[in-house]
Amino acid sequence: MIDPHPPAPPGAPPAWGAPAPLPVRPGTGRFLVLACVFVCAACGLVYELELVALASYLIGDSVTQTSVVLSVMVFAMGVGSLAAKRLRWHAAAGFGAVEAALALVGGCSALVLYAVFAWTGGWGGLWSTGPRWLLVAFSLAIGLLIGAEVPLLMELIQRIRRQDAGGAVADLFAADYVGALVGGLAFPFLLLPFLGQLTGALLTGTVNAVAGGALVLGLFRRDLSRRARWTLLAVNVTVLGVLGSAAAHVQDFERAARHAVYGADVRVAVRTDVQEVVLTGGTHGRPLDLFLDGRLRVGGRDERRYHEALVHPAMSGPHARVLILGGGDGMAAREVLRHTGVDRVDVVELDADLVRLARADPGLAALNAHAYDDPRVHVVTADAFCWLRRAAPRAAYDVVIADLPDPGAAAGAKLYSEEFYGLARRVLAPGGRLAVHAGPVRARPRDFWTVAATMRAAGLATTAYRVPGRDPGRSAGESRAPHDWGFVLAARGPRGPRLWLAAGGPRLFTLSVRELREDVLRPPRTRLPASTLVDPRL
């Protein structure tokens, strides 16, 4: 039972240690507070994961983005906890204000981050780093607000029924950690696949605002003055209105943002289980561009130069059985099938939707010469590393072509590791060759030569070369000035394979033996360490 006590003057803070005048039993009130802790913890973790995921998609280098978000947010949570001590005499009003601010900032964070990337990312100069600074700002703001929750909730739960600090902390943290578990699982398995980044964040903010407002205005309304109640109600309605309006127009916003990033001729924009796939052009004589997670993977103006340089030097020798790791767009398979004597081509691609698009989209299918309609081509949907572990050493291929994401992407670091090349070496037939795209040489020479050093550490002899062209790993909106592509051709044995083109091979449009010989690269004198799974260097 709650002991009766005279009402406090309007707006006066409750007496320290006095039980709150609740409209429900203390046990029910305690349960409602812990339920709010659960919901707020789930929302807080969703905000954190949403920032990490979106920053990785837009900026790249997921390891760096994760480190920045986590470190800044945890630091800010500590600062927020200290700052919340000043609000403990007004715990109910303070908690309501914190939750409304957190719902607005966290719910709109993905929208604002994407808008800055889309409309200012191509301006250059200081604007090019805008998304990075905005990521830090959102991590700081969200961390401050999340950190302020716990001290205020601790005060509220003690206002219901005083208990020892250890027991109260145990109950509070138990609800907090279970909520974090639910939020952490809901983000990748529910919010991201069914709602997407933007709508998922807006919905999370809505849930956050409703939970915080309902707890304060429903359970602790007698701790608030009449003016404070109406103010908090108006603030929460405004926040919900902003989030609801944004959710209603999120599709229009995404279309406008895509046009700002990719240009006005976006034909296909889908979010697969693996990545965002965008196709532009490809009709009415316009060159086709394929973007994967915002990075140009296939450029219709110069993709042939890239794929001819990747495939044909490796095909200058026995090539009855060919393995393509990645290359779901079908361009590498197109170049392989131009050679006579090819009996079988196995394509191991992680993204099944990308392969379906390469089959069905008229522009992309025309560009890859309908390679997937050839009965010699067999597609396996699998991670290349895992597939090699299962296949080796039973399979034997004359040619292995690694047409994989750029080596600068942390998410694909294992595909440029010593362990990966060791597995690829095992599937090579005697005299077989492995061709790898190792990134731009001039822009990222250390990454390029690290790939070559890693292949040598796996027991392969290498020959490095480059061809002029545009960087296939550039982000949408970046400069399209000519760049170069770097490749490494490798084989078993003491010496690197000879760089040449088969005399009876197909006619090439962009490559010649003379150009290949001129583009052979000598390794630097500095000895670089190999990149491994436990010690990635890329």
Protein backbone atom coordinates (compact mmCIF):
# COMPACT_ATOMS: atom_id res chain seq x y z
CA MET A 1 0.00 0.00 0.00
CA ILE A 2 1.13 3.57 -0.66
CA ASP A 3 0.96 5.76 2.41
CA PRO A 4 -1.28 8.81 1.94
CA HIS A 5 0.49 12.14 1.78
CA PRO A 6 -0.62 15.69 1.11
CA PRO A 7 -0.41 16.75 -2.52
CA ALA A 8 2.62 18.78 -3.56
CA PRO A 9 2.14 22.28 -4.92
CA PRO A 10 1.76 22.38 -8.73
CA GLY A 11 5.13 22.07 -10.42
CA ALA A 12 7.01 21.26 -7.24
CA PRO A 13 9.38 18.25 -7.41
CA PRO A 14 8.32 15.22 -5.35
CA ALA A 15 9.88 14.89 -1.94
CA TRP A 16 13.05 12.80 -1.93
CA GLY A 17 12.20 9.23 -0.97
CA ALA A 18 8.44 9.79 -1.08
CA PRO A 19 6.49 7.16 -3.07
CA ALA A 20 4.93 8.36 -6.30
CA PRO A 21 1.13 8.74 -6.36
CA LEU A 22 0.40 6.05 -8.96
CA PRO A 23 -2.91 5.23 -10.65
CA VAL A 24 -2.08 1.48 -10.36
CA ARG A 25 -0.70 -0.92 -7.77
CA PRO A 26 3.04 -0.65 -7.06
CA GLY A 27 3.71 -4.09 -8.53
CA THR A 28 1.96 -3.15 -11.76
CA GLY A 29 3.75 0.18 -11.85
CA ARG A 30 7.09 -1.49 -11.39
CA PHE A 31 6.32 -3.90 -14.23
CA LEU A 32 5.38 -1.01 -16.52
CA VAL A 33 8.65 0.80 -15.79
CA LEU A 34 10.68 -2.32 -16.53
CA ALA A 35 8.65 -2.87 -19.72
CA CYS A 36 9.56 0.67 -20.79
CA VAL A 37 13.21 -0.09 -20.01
CA PHE A 38 12.92 -3.12 -22.28
CA VAL A 39 11.43 -1.11 -25.16
CA CYS A 40 13.88 1.78 -24.82
CA ALA A 41 16.87 -0.59 -24.78
CA ALA A 42 15.62 -2.31 -27.94
CA CYS A 43 15.16 1.03 -29.69
CA GLY A 44 18.56 2.28 -28.56
CA LEU A 45 20.36 -0.73 -30.04
CA VAL A 46 18.42 -0.42 -33.29
CA TYR A 47 19.61 3.20 -33.61
CA GLU A 48 23.18 2.03 -33.06
CA LEU A 49 22.99 -0.80 -35.61
CA GLU A 50 21.21 1.41 -38.10
CA LEU A 51 24.02 3.97 -37.97
CA VAL A 52 26.67 1.28 -38.38
CA ALA A 53 24.88 -0.39 -41.30
CA LEU A 54 24.05 2.79 -43.20
CA ALA A 55 27.54 4.23 -42.71
CA SER A 56 29.05 0.99 -44.01
CA TYR A 57 26.83 1.12 -47.11
CA LEU A 58 27.44 4.79 -47.84
CA ILE A 59 31.00 5.37 -46.67
CA GLY A 60 32.47 1.84 -46.76
CA ASP A 61 35.08 0.31 -44.44
CA SER A 62 32.65 -1.29 -42.01
CA VAL A 63 35.34 -1.91 -39.38
CA THR A 64 36.14 1.80 -39.11
CA GLN A 65 32.49 2.86 -39.09
CA THR A 66 31.61 0.31 -36.41
CA SER A 67 34.53 1.42 -34.26
CA VAL A 68 33.58 5.09 -34.60
CA VAL A 69 29.91 4.55 -33.76
CA LEU A 70 30.52 2.23 -30.80
CA SER A 71 33.34 4.22 -29.23
CA VAL A 72 31.67 7.61 -29.59
CA MET A 73 28.30 6.29 -28.43
CA VAL A 74 29.67 4.53 -25.34
CA PHE A 75 31.65 7.64 -24.39
CA ALA A 76 28.56 9.81 -24.87
CA MET A 77 26.48 7.43 -22.75
CA GLY A 78 28.83 8.05 -19.83
CA VAL A 79 28.55 11.80 -20.29
CA GLY A 80 24.77 11.52 -20.56
CA SER A 81 24.57 9.55 -17.33
CA LEU A 82 26.52 12.25 -15.48
CA ALA A 83 24.39 15.02 -16.99
CA ALA A 84 21.18 13.24 -15.97
CA LYS A 85 22.09 13.60 -12.29
CA ARG A 86 20.87 17.19 -12.49
CA LEU A 87 17.43 15.95 -13.55
CA ARG A 88 16.84 13.44 -10.77
CA TRP A 89 14.56 15.85 -8.87
CA HIS A 90 12.42 16.07 -12.00
CA ALA A 91 12.85 12.46 -13.14
CA ALA A 92 9.44 12.04 -14.78
CA ALA A 93 9.57 15.26 -16.81
CA GLY A 94 13.25 14.71 -17.63
CA PHE A 95 12.67 11.17 -18.84
CA GLY A 96 9.74 12.25 -21.01
CA ALA A 97 11.84 14.99 -22.62
CA VAL A 98 14.80 12.66 -23.18
CA GLU A 99 12.64 10.02 -24.86
CA ALA A 100 10.96 12.55 -27.15
CA ALA A 101 14.36 13.92 -28.21
CA LEU A 102 15.80 10.42 -28.66
CA ALA A 103 12.84 9.33 -30.78
CA LEU A 104 13.24 12.35 -33.05
CA VAL A 105 17.03 12.21 -33.38
CA GLY A 106 17.30 8.43 -33.65
CA GLY A 107 14.29 8.02 -35.91
CA CYS A 108 15.44 10.68 -38.38
CA SER A 109 19.17 9.87 -38.26
CA ALA A 110 19.15 7.49 -41.24
CA LEU A 111 17.06 9.89 -43.30
CA VAL A 112 19.35 12.85 -42.64
CA LEU A 113 22.55 10.83 -43.14
CA TYR A 114 21.34 9.52 -46.48
CA ALA A 115 20.19 13.00 -47.56
CA VAL A 116 23.59 14.53 -46.84
CA PHE A 117 25.32 11.70 -48.71
CA ALA A 118 22.99 11.98 -51.70
CA TRP A 119 22.88 15.75 -52.18
CA THR A 120 26.30 16.90 -50.95
CA GLY A 121 28.54 13.88 -51.51
CA GLY A 122 29.49 14.98 -55.00
CA TRP A 123 30.36 18.56 -54.12
CA GLY A 124 33.94 17.69 -53.19
CA GLY A 125 36.16 19.48 -50.71
CA LEU A 126 34.95 19.53 -47.12
CA TRP A 127 31.50 18.40 -48.23
CA SER A 128 32.88 14.99 -49.21
CA THR A 129 33.52 14.26 -45.51
CA GLY A 130 30.07 15.49 -44.45
CA PRO A 131 28.58 12.02 -43.89
CA ARG A 132 31.52 11.05 -41.64
CA TRP A 133 31.13 14.09 -39.41
CA LEU A 134 27.38 13.65 -39.34
CA LEU A 135 27.86 10.03 -38.28
CA VAL A 136 29.96 11.21 -35.33
CA ALA A 137 27.38 13.87 -34.43
CA PHE A 138 24.48 11.40 -34.44
CA SER A 139 26.49 8.85 -32.45
CA LEU A 140 27.28 11.53 -29.88
CA ALA A 141 23.71 12.83 -29.62
CA ILE A 142 22.08 9.40 -29.44
CA GLY A 143 24.68 8.21 -26.92
CA LEU A 144 24.05 11.23 -24.67
CA LEU A 145 20.31 10.60 -24.66
CA ILE A 146 20.61 6.84 -24.11
CA GLY A 147 23.05 7.44 -21.27
CA ALA A 148 20.57 9.81 -19.57
CA GLU A 149 17.85 7.11 -19.56
CA VAL A 150 19.30 4.79 -16.92
CA PRO A 151 19.70 7.27 -14.00
CA LEU A 152 16.22 8.67 -14.61
CA LEU A 153 14.64 5.23 -14.85
CA MET A 154 16.45 4.23 -11.68
CA GLU A 155 14.91 7.22 -9.91
CA LEU A 156 11.46 6.41 -11.29
CA ILE A 157 11.58 2.78 -10.24
CA GLN A 158 12.70 3.81 -6.76
CA ARG A 159 9.82 6.27 -6.62
CA ILE A 160 7.43 3.35 -6.89
CA ARG A 161 8.93 1.32 -4.08
CA ARG A 162 12.23 1.87 -2.34
CA GLN A 163 14.60 -1.10 -2.42
CA ASP A 164 18.30 -1.70 -2.07
CA ALA A 165 20.40 -0.27 -4.86
CA GLY A 166 21.81 -3.65 -5.89
CA GLY A 167 18.38 -5.16 -6.43
CA ALA A 168 17.10 -2.15 -8.36
CA VAL A 169 20.18 -2.12 -10.60
CA ALA A 170 19.84 -5.87 -11.24
CA ASP A 171 16.19 -5.53 -12.29
CA LEU A 172 16.88 -2.50 -14.45
CA PHE A 173 19.87 -4.01 -16.24
CA ALA A 174 18.10 -7.34 -16.76
CA ALA A 175 15.28 -5.59 -18.63
CA ASP A 176 17.81 -3.41 -20.46
CA TYR A 177 19.93 -6.32 -21.67
CA VAL A 178 16.96 -8.44 -22.75
CA GLY A 179 15.60 -5.45 -24.67
CA ALA A 180 18.97 -4.96 -26.33
CA LEU A 181 18.90 -8.62 -27.40
CA VAL A 182 15.47 -8.24 -28.97
CA GLY A 183 16.46 -5.00 -30.73
CA GLY A 184 19.70 -6.53 -31.98
CA LEU A 185 17.85 -9.47 -33.51
CA ALA A 186 14.91 -7.44 -34.82
CA PHE A 187 17.14 -5.14 -36.87
CA PRO A 188 18.71 -7.70 -39.27
CA PHE A 189 15.85 -10.19 -39.34
CA LEU A 190 12.73 -7.99 -39.32
CA LEU A 191 13.32 -4.27 -39.77
CA LEU A 192 16.01 -4.30 -42.45
CA PRO A 193 14.58 -6.99 -44.79
CA PHE A 194 10.88 -6.02 -44.48
CA LEU A 195 10.95 -2.26 -43.92
CA GLY A 196 14.39 -1.09 -45.00
CA GLN A 197 16.80 1.30 -43.34
CA LEU A 198 14.75 4.47 -43.44
CA THR A 199 11.29 3.16 -42.57
CA GLY A 200 12.74 0.86 -39.93
CA ALA A 201 14.46 3.77 -38.17
CA LEU A 202 11.30 5.91 -38.34
CA LEU A 203 9.17 3.10 -36.91
CA THR A 204 11.69 2.58 -34.11
CA GLY A 205 11.49 6.27 -33.25
CA THR A 206 7.71 6.07 -33.17
CA VAL A 207 7.77 3.12 -30.76
CA ASN A 208 10.33 4.95 -28.63
CA ALA A 209 8.17 8.11 -28.39
CA VAL A 210 5.00 6.17 -27.59
CA ALA A 211 6.68 4.11 -24.87
CA GLY A 212 8.34 7.07 -23.16
CA GLY A 213 5.31 9.35 -23.42
CA ALA A 214 2.88 6.68 -22.24
CA LEU A 215 4.98 5.88 -19.17
CA VAL A 216 5.33 9.48 -18.03
CA LEU A 217 1.89 10.80 -18.98
CA GLY A 218 0.12 7.66 -17.85
CA LEU A 219 1.97 6.36 -14.81
CA PHE A 220 3.72 9.45 -13.42
CA ARG A 221 1.34 12.19 -14.56
CA ARG A 222 0.72 13.29 -10.96
CA ASP A 223 4.42 14.16 -10.67
CA LEU A 224 3.94 16.76 -13.40
CA SER A 225 2.30 20.12 -13.28
CA ARG A 226 -0.61 20.77 -15.60
CA ARG A 227 1.62 22.91 -17.82
CA ALA A 228 4.32 20.22 -17.94
CA ARG A 229 1.77 17.57 -18.91
CA TRP A 230 0.40 19.62 -21.80
CA THR A 231 3.87 20.62 -22.93
CA LEU A 232 5.10 17.03 -22.95
CA LEU A 233 1.95 15.90 -24.75
CA ALA A 234 2.39 18.57 -27.41
CA VAL A 235 6.07 17.67 -27.88
CA ASN A 236 5.30 13.97 -28.30
CA VAL A 237 2.46 14.64 -30.75
CA THR A 238 4.82 16.86 -32.77
CA VAL A 239 7.54 14.18 -32.78
CA LEU A 240 5.03 11.52 -33.85
CA GLY A 241 3.75 13.85 -36.56
CA VAL A 242 7.24 14.44 -37.92
CA LEU A 243 8.07 10.71 -37.91
CA GLY A 244 4.72 9.78 -39.45
CA SER A 245 5.02 12.38 -42.21
CA ALA A 246 8.54 11.23 -43.01
CA ALA A 247 7.39 7.60 -43.15
CA ALA A 248 4.52 8.52 -45.49
CA HIS A 249 6.92 10.19 -47.95
CA VAL A 250 9.90 7.88 -47.54
CA GLN A 251 9.48 6.27 -50.96
CA ASP A 252 9.39 9.64 -52.69
CA PHE A 253 12.48 10.63 -50.71
CA GLU A 254 14.34 7.46 -51.73
CA ARG A 255 13.56 8.03 -55.40
CA ALA A 256 14.74 11.63 -55.24
CA ALA A 257 17.90 10.61 -53.36
CA ARG A 258 18.70 7.88 -55.89
CA HIS A 259 18.34 10.35 -58.73
CA ALA A 260 20.70 12.70 -56.91
CA VAL A 261 23.25 9.90 -56.47
CA TYR A 262 22.94 7.93 -59.69
CA GLY A 263 21.39 10.39 -62.12
CA ALA A 264 17.91 10.65 -63.54
CA ASP A 265 17.91 7.38 -65.52
CA VAL A 266 17.60 4.86 -62.66
CA ARG A 267 15.77 1.84 -64.09
CA VAL A 268 16.13 -0.73 -61.30
CA ALA A 269 16.72 -0.20 -57.58
CA VAL A 270 16.32 -3.24 -55.35
CA ARG A 271 17.56 -4.25 -51.92
CA THR A 272 18.55 -7.92 -52.02
CA ASP A 273 19.48 -10.09 -49.05
CA VAL A 274 23.12 -9.14 -49.70
CA GLN A 275 23.31 -5.60 -51.07
CA GLU A 276 21.57 -2.71 -52.80
CA VAL A 277 21.54 -3.17 -56.56
CA VAL A 278 20.92 -0.19 -58.87
CA LEU A 279 20.85 -0.21 -62.67
CA THR A 280 20.98 2.98 -64.70
CA GLY A 281 20.84 3.42 -68.47
CA GLY A 282 20.99 0.43 -70.77
CA THR A 283 18.15 1.58 -73.00
CA HIS A 284 17.83 3.93 -75.99
CA GLY A 285 21.56 3.86 -76.60
CA ARG A 286 22.54 4.99 -73.11
CA PRO A 287 25.42 3.07 -71.49
CA LEU A 288 24.43 0.76 -68.65
CA ASP A 289 25.92 1.19 -65.19
CA LEU A 290 25.54 -1.34 -62.38
CA PHE A 291 25.99 -0.09 -58.80
CA LEU A 292 26.34 -2.41 -55.82
CA ASP A 293 25.91 -0.70 -52.44
CA GLY A 294 26.53 2.65 -54.06
CA ARG A 295 29.75 1.61 -55.81
CA LEU A 296 30.02 1.31 -59.57
CA ARG A 297 30.62 -2.35 -60.37
CA VAL A 298 29.97 -2.35 -64.12
CA GLY A 299 30.36 0.78 -66.23
CA GLY A 300 28.95 0.38 -69.73
CA ARG A 301 31.55 2.74 -71.20
CA ASP A 302 34.57 0.78 -70.07
CA GLU A 303 33.51 -2.56 -68.59
CA ARG A 304 34.84 -4.47 -71.59
CA ARG A 305 38.36 -3.20 -70.98
CA TYR A 306 38.20 -4.33 -67.37
CA HIS A 307 36.81 -7.80 -68.09
CA GLU A 308 39.06 -8.47 -71.07
CA ALA A 309 42.11 -7.64 -68.95
CA LEU A 310 40.87 -9.85 -66.10
CA VAL A 311 39.87 -12.91 -68.11
CA HIS A 312 41.88 -13.35 -71.29
CA PRO A 313 45.46 -13.51 -69.94
CA ALA A 314 44.30 -16.35 -67.66
CA MET A 315 42.60 -18.12 -70.59
CA SER A 316 45.87 -18.28 -72.57
CA GLY A 317 46.47 -21.96 -71.90
CA PRO A 318 44.28 -24.96 -71.03
CA HIS A 319 40.79 -23.72 -70.20
CA ALA A 320 38.35 -26.61 -70.45
CA ARG A 321 37.09 -26.10 -66.86
CA VAL A 322 36.72 -22.55 -65.55
CA LEU A 323 35.69 -21.33 -62.10
CA ILE A 324 34.45 -17.75 -61.61
CA LEU A 325 34.29 -16.52 -58.01
CA GLY A 326 31.84 -13.63 -57.87
CA GLY A 327 31.02 -12.08 -61.23
CA GLY A 328 27.27 -12.40 -60.79
CA ASP A 329 26.71 -9.75 -63.47
CA GLY A 330 27.76 -12.32 -66.09
CA MET A 331 30.44 -10.22 -67.79
CA ALA A 332 33.36 -12.46 -66.84
CA ALA A 333 31.38 -15.51 -68.01
CA ARG A 334 30.74 -13.73 -71.33
CA GLU A 335 34.47 -13.30 -71.90
CA VAL A 336 35.21 -16.91 -70.93
CA LEU A 337 32.61 -18.25 -73.38
CA ARG A 338 34.24 -16.37 -76.26
CA HIS A 339 37.03 -18.97 -76.18
CA THR A 340 36.70 -22.29 -77.97
CA GLY A 341 37.34 -25.46 -75.99
CA VAL A 342 35.45 -24.38 -72.84
CA ASP A 343 33.53 -27.38 -71.49
CA ARG A 344 32.20 -26.06 -68.19
CA VAL A 345 31.97 -22.72 -66.36
CA ASP A 346 31.06 -22.70 -62.66
CA VAL A 347 29.98 -19.32 -61.23
CA VAL A 348 29.96 -19.01 -57.44
CA GLU A 349 27.95 -15.89 -56.55
CA LEU A 350 26.60 -14.95 -53.13
CA ASP A 351 23.73 -12.79 -54.39
CA ALA A 352 21.13 -14.92 -56.17
CA ASP A 353 19.01 -11.85 -56.95
CA LEU A 354 21.91 -10.28 -58.85
CA VAL A 355 22.16 -13.40 -61.03
CA ARG A 356 18.40 -13.32 -61.65
CA LEU A 357 18.67 -9.68 -62.67
CA ALA A 358 21.58 -10.50 -65.01
CA ARG A 359 19.37 -13.13 -66.66
CA ALA A 360 16.13 -11.17 -66.86
CA ASP A 361 16.97 -7.48 -67.30
CA PRO A 362 17.11 -6.74 -71.04
CA GLY A 363 19.95 -4.23 -70.79
CA LEU A 364 22.14 -6.27 -68.46
CA ALA A 365 21.43 -9.55 -70.28
CA ALA A 366 22.37 -7.92 -73.60
CA LEU A 367 25.59 -6.59 -72.11
CA ASN A 368 26.63 -10.04 -70.82
CA ALA A 369 25.58 -11.60 -74.16
CA HIS A 370 23.02 -13.82 -72.36
CA ALA A 371 25.85 -15.80 -70.82
CA TYR A 372 23.56 -17.50 -68.31
CA ASP A 373 21.52 -19.06 -71.12
CA ASP A 374 24.55 -21.12 -72.16
CA PRO A 375 24.15 -24.72 -70.89
CA ARG A 376 27.86 -24.87 -70.02
CA VAL A 377 27.36 -22.22 -67.32
CA HIS A 378 26.39 -23.51 -63.87
CA VAL A 379 25.59 -21.09 -61.05
CA VAL A 380 26.05 -21.86 -57.36
CA THR A 381 24.64 -19.45 -54.77
CA ALA A 382 27.24 -19.49 -52.01
CA ASP A 383 29.97 -17.52 -50.30
CA ALA A 384 33.13 -18.04 -52.35
CA PHE A 385 35.30 -18.78 -49.29
CA CYS A 386 32.88 -21.35 -47.87
CA TRP A 387 32.38 -22.95 -51.27
CA LEU A 388 36.12 -23.38 -51.78
CA ARG A 389 36.43 -25.04 -48.36
CA ARG A 390 33.81 -27.61 -49.36
CA ALA A 391 35.08 -28.07 -52.94
CA ALA A 392 38.81 -28.42 -52.31
CA PRO A 393 40.56 -30.60 -53.15
CA ARG A 394 37.99 -32.62 -55.10
CA ALA A 395 37.53 -30.08 -57.92
CA ALA A 396 40.22 -29.22 -60.46
CA TYR A 397 39.97 -26.14 -62.68
CA ASP A 398 42.24 -24.98 -65.46
CA VAL A 399 41.33 -21.34 -64.80
CA VAL A 400 40.05 -19.63 -61.66
CA ILE A 401 38.89 -16.00 -61.98
CA ALA A 402 38.24 -13.95 -58.84
CA ASP A 403 35.89 -11.14 -59.89
CA LEU A 404 35.15 -9.99 -56.34
CA PRO A 405 34.37 -6.72 -54.51
CA ASP A 406 37.15 -4.20 -54.21
CA PRO A 407 39.94 -5.31 -51.81
CA GLY A 408 39.55 -2.03 -49.93
CA ALA A 409 36.14 -3.13 -48.59
CA ALA A 410 36.52 -4.57 -45.09
CA ALA A 411 33.48 -6.81 -45.53
CA GLY A 412 35.34 -8.73 -48.26
CA ALA A 413 38.73 -8.90 -46.53
CA LYS A 414 38.53 -12.68 -46.17
CA LEU A 415 38.27 -12.97 -49.97
CA TYR A 416 41.74 -11.45 -50.23
CA SER A 417 43.33 -13.43 -47.40
CA GLU A 418 46.14 -15.97 -47.44
CA GLU A 419 43.66 -18.64 -46.40
CA PHE A 420 41.40 -17.83 -49.36
CA TYR A 421 44.23 -18.03 -51.87
CA GLY A 422 45.41 -21.26 -50.27
CA LEU A 423 41.98 -22.77 -50.93
CA ALA A 424 41.98 -21.42 -54.50
CA ARG A 425 45.41 -22.94 -55.06
CA ARG A 426 44.06 -26.36 -54.09
CA VAL A 427 41.39 -26.32 -56.81
CA LEU A 428 43.86 -25.42 -59.56
CA ALA A 429 44.63 -28.25 -61.97
CA PRO A 430 48.30 -28.81 -62.92
CA GLY A 431 49.27 -25.82 -65.05
CA GLY A 432 46.16 -23.93 -63.94
CA ARG A 433 46.09 -20.14 -63.50
CA LEU A 434 44.37 -17.83 -61.06
CA ALA A 435 43.42 -14.26 -62.08
CA VAL A 436 42.55 -11.69 -59.42
CA HIS A 437 41.38 -8.10 -59.59
CA ALA A 438 43.46 -6.36 -56.92
CA GLY A 439 42.16 -2.79 -57.08
CA PRO A 440 43.56 0.42 -58.57
CA VAL A 441 47.36 0.61 -58.54
CA ARG A 442 47.91 4.37 -58.51
CA ALA A 443 45.17 5.24 -56.03
CA ARG A 444 45.85 2.40 -53.56
CA PRO A 445 49.28 0.91 -54.32
CA ARG A 446 49.74 -0.56 -50.84
CA ASP A 447 46.49 -2.52 -51.09
CA PHE A 448 47.41 -3.77 -54.55
CA TRP A 449 50.86 -5.02 -53.58
CA THR A 450 49.50 -6.50 -50.36
CA VAL A 451 47.21 -8.68 -52.46
CA ALA A 452 50.17 -9.83 -54.54
CA ALA A 453 52.24 -10.53 -51.40
CA THR A 454 49.34 -12.48 -49.89
CA MET A 455 49.06 -14.68 -52.98
CA ARG A 456 52.79 -15.42 -52.84
CA ALA A 457 52.48 -16.31 -49.15
CA ALA A 458 49.83 -18.88 -50.15
CA GLY A 459 52.35 -20.65 -52.38
CA LEU A 460 51.55 -19.02 -55.71
CA ALA A 461 53.96 -17.39 -58.13
CA THR A 462 52.59 -14.09 -59.40
CA THR A 463 52.74 -11.66 -62.30
CA ALA A 464 51.23 -8.22 -61.70
CA TYR A 465 49.89 -5.91 -64.40
CA ARG A 466 47.60 -2.95 -64.86
CA VAL A 467 45.49 -1.40 -67.60
CA PRO A 468 44.29 2.21 -67.83
CA GLY A 469 40.63 2.80 -67.22
CA ARG A 470 38.14 3.98 -64.66
CA ASP A 471 38.09 2.64 -61.12
CA PRO A 472 35.26 0.04 -60.82
CA GLY A 473 35.17 0.52 -57.06
CA ARG A 474 34.39 4.24 -57.09
CA SER A 475 31.31 5.46 -55.28
CA ALA A 476 28.35 6.92 -57.06
CA GLY A 477 28.74 10.63 -57.45
CA GLU A 478 32.53 10.57 -57.35
CA SER A 479 34.71 11.73 -60.20
CA ARG A 480 34.56 9.61 -63.31
CA ALA A 481 38.03 10.60 -64.48
CA PRO A 482 40.10 7.79 -66.03
CA HIS A 483 41.99 5.66 -63.56
CA ASP A 484 43.52 2.21 -63.73
CA TRP A 485 42.77 -1.37 -62.78
CA GLY A 486 45.34 -3.68 -61.27
CA PHE A 487 45.40 -7.46 -61.71
CA VAL A 488 47.51 -10.36 -60.52
CA LEU A 489 47.90 -13.54 -62.53
CA ALA A 490 49.19 -16.49 -60.48
CA ALA A 491 50.05 -20.16 -60.82
CA ARG A 492 51.83 -22.91 -58.94
CA GLY A 493 55.54 -23.12 -59.45
CA PRO A 494 58.70 -21.13 -58.86
CA ARG A 495 58.07 -18.44 -61.48
CA GLY A 496 55.09 -16.24 -62.27
CA PRO A 497 53.04 -17.18 -65.35
CA ARG A 498 53.89 -15.54 -68.64
CA LEU A 499 51.58 -12.69 -69.61
CA TRP A 500 50.33 -13.30 -73.13
CA LEU A 501 47.23 -13.81 -75.25
CA ALA A 502 46.42 -17.05 -77.05
CA ALA A 503 47.11 -16.83 -80.79
CA GLY A 504 43.88 -18.60 -81.69
CA GLY A 505 41.78 -16.75 -79.14
CA PRO A 506 38.88 -14.40 -79.79
CA ARG A 507 39.37 -10.95 -81.22
CA LEU A 508 39.71 -8.47 -78.38
CA PHE A 509 38.43 -4.91 -78.52
CA THR A 510 40.61 -3.19 -75.93
CA LEU A 511 43.65 -5.39 -75.27
CA SER A 512 46.77 -6.47 -77.17
CA VAL A 513 49.88 -8.47 -76.36
CA ARG A 514 52.02 -5.36 -76.74
CA GLU A 515 49.89 -3.44 -74.23
CA LEU A 516 50.02 -6.33 -71.77
CA ARG A 517 53.79 -6.50 -71.91
CA GLU A 518 54.06 -2.75 -71.39
CA ASP A 519 51.71 -2.92 -68.41
CA VAL A 520 53.61 -5.58 -66.44
CA LEU A 521 54.50 -4.22 -62.99
CA ARG A 522 57.60 -4.85 -60.96
CA PRO A 523 57.03 -5.49 -57.26
CA PRO A 524 58.27 -2.82 -54.84
CA ARG A 525 61.47 -3.32 -52.90
CA THR A 526 59.62 -2.98 -49.61
CA ARG A 527 58.45 -6.36 -48.39
CA LEU A 528 54.77 -6.21 -47.40
CA PRO A 529 53.14 -8.63 -44.94
CA ALA A 530 50.42 -11.00 -46.10
CA SER A 531 46.79 -10.41 -45.18
CA THR A 532 45.22 -13.21 -43.13
CA LEU A 533 41.87 -13.85 -41.51
CA VAL A 534 43.15 -12.96 -38.05
CA ASP A 535 45.42 -10.15 -39.21
CA PRO A 536 43.77 -8.43 -42.21
CA ARG A 537 45.95 -5.87 -43.94
CA LEU A 538 43.34 -4.52 -46.34
